[in-house]
Amino acid sequence: MTLDWESNDVMELWNQRTAQVVELFGLPGDRYVTDVSANDMTFWFRDHRDALLFRLCHGRSRLRQA
């Protein structure tokens, strides 16, 4: 699942988003891994149910194929 950086996003918003991911799924490694670029942040979930939960919590995310 990918969250795009928006031009009007502020740092506090991204802090909240990443904190929410850590609260729900723990640190990267066991249940998911992340890839961060200048344009987006992608979360690769090992379990499709975790990906679905992420999508429900972050409705503006988009599915990214490997």
Protein backbone atom coordinates (compact mmCIF):
# COMPACT_ATOMS: atom_id res chain seq x y z
CA MET A 1 0.00 0.00 0.00
CA THR A 2 1.38 3.39 -0.96
CA LEU A 3 0.80 6.79 0.57
CA ASP A 4 1.80 9.64 -1.71
CA TRP A 5 3.41 12.78 -0.38
CA GLU A 6 1.04 15.67 -1.04
CA SER A 7 2.31 19.21 -1.55
CA ASN A 8 0.15 20.48 1.32
CA ASP A 9 1.15 17.71 3.78
CA VAL A 10 2.81 18.87 6.97
CA MET A 11 5.31 16.96 9.10
CA GLU A 12 2.84 16.53 11.99
CA LEU A 13 0.43 14.70 9.68
CA TRP A 14 3.14 12.24 8.61
CA ASN A 15 4.20 11.76 12.22
CA GLN A 16 0.61 10.81 13.06
CA ARG A 17 0.33 8.42 10.10
CA THR A 18 3.54 6.59 10.85
CA ALA A 19 2.78 6.45 14.59
CA GLN A 20 -0.60 4.92 13.80
CA VAL A 21 1.05 2.25 11.62
CA VAL A 22 3.52 1.39 14.40
CA GLU A 23 0.70 1.24 16.96
CA LEU A 24 -1.32 -1.16 14.80
CA PHE A 25 1.40 -3.34 13.26
CA GLY A 26 4.57 -2.80 15.31
CA LEU A 27 7.93 -1.84 13.90
CA PRO A 28 8.84 -2.81 10.32
CA GLY A 29 10.22 -6.30 9.89
CA ASP A 30 7.77 -8.87 11.17
CA ARG A 31 4.43 -7.91 9.64
CA TYR A 32 5.52 -5.43 6.98
CA VAL A 33 8.46 -3.64 5.39
CA THR A 34 8.60 -0.09 4.10
CA ASP A 35 10.15 1.74 1.19
CA VAL A 36 10.44 5.52 1.34
CA SER A 37 11.13 7.76 -1.63
CA ALA A 38 10.90 11.48 -2.33
CA ASN A 39 7.37 10.92 -3.71
CA ASP A 40 5.74 8.34 -1.47
CA MET A 41 5.97 5.79 1.34
CA THR A 42 5.10 2.18 0.53
CA PHE A 43 4.17 -0.51 3.04
CA TRP A 44 4.55 -4.15 1.94
CA PHE A 45 2.42 -6.36 4.19
CA ARG A 46 3.08 -10.07 4.59
CA ASP A 47 -0.60 -10.81 5.39
CA HIS A 48 -3.38 -9.56 3.10
CA ARG A 49 -5.57 -8.93 6.16
CA ASP A 50 -3.05 -6.42 7.50
CA ALA A 51 -3.04 -4.71 4.10
CA LEU A 52 -6.82 -4.49 4.23
CA LEU A 53 -6.74 -3.00 7.74
CA PHE A 54 -4.16 -0.47 6.58
CA ARG A 55 -6.38 0.44 3.62
CA LEU A 56 -9.36 0.95 5.92
CA CYS A 57 -7.32 3.23 8.19
CA HIS A 58 -5.69 5.15 5.32
CA GLY A 59 -8.38 5.44 2.67
CA ARG A 60 -6.25 7.57 0.41
CA SER A 61 -3.63 4.84 0.04
CA ARG A 62 -3.25 3.05 -3.27
CA LEU A 63 -2.37 -0.52 -4.09
CA ARG A 64 1.13 -0.94 -5.50
CA GLN A 65 2.09 -4.13 -7.30
CA ALA A 66 5.55 -5.67 -6.87
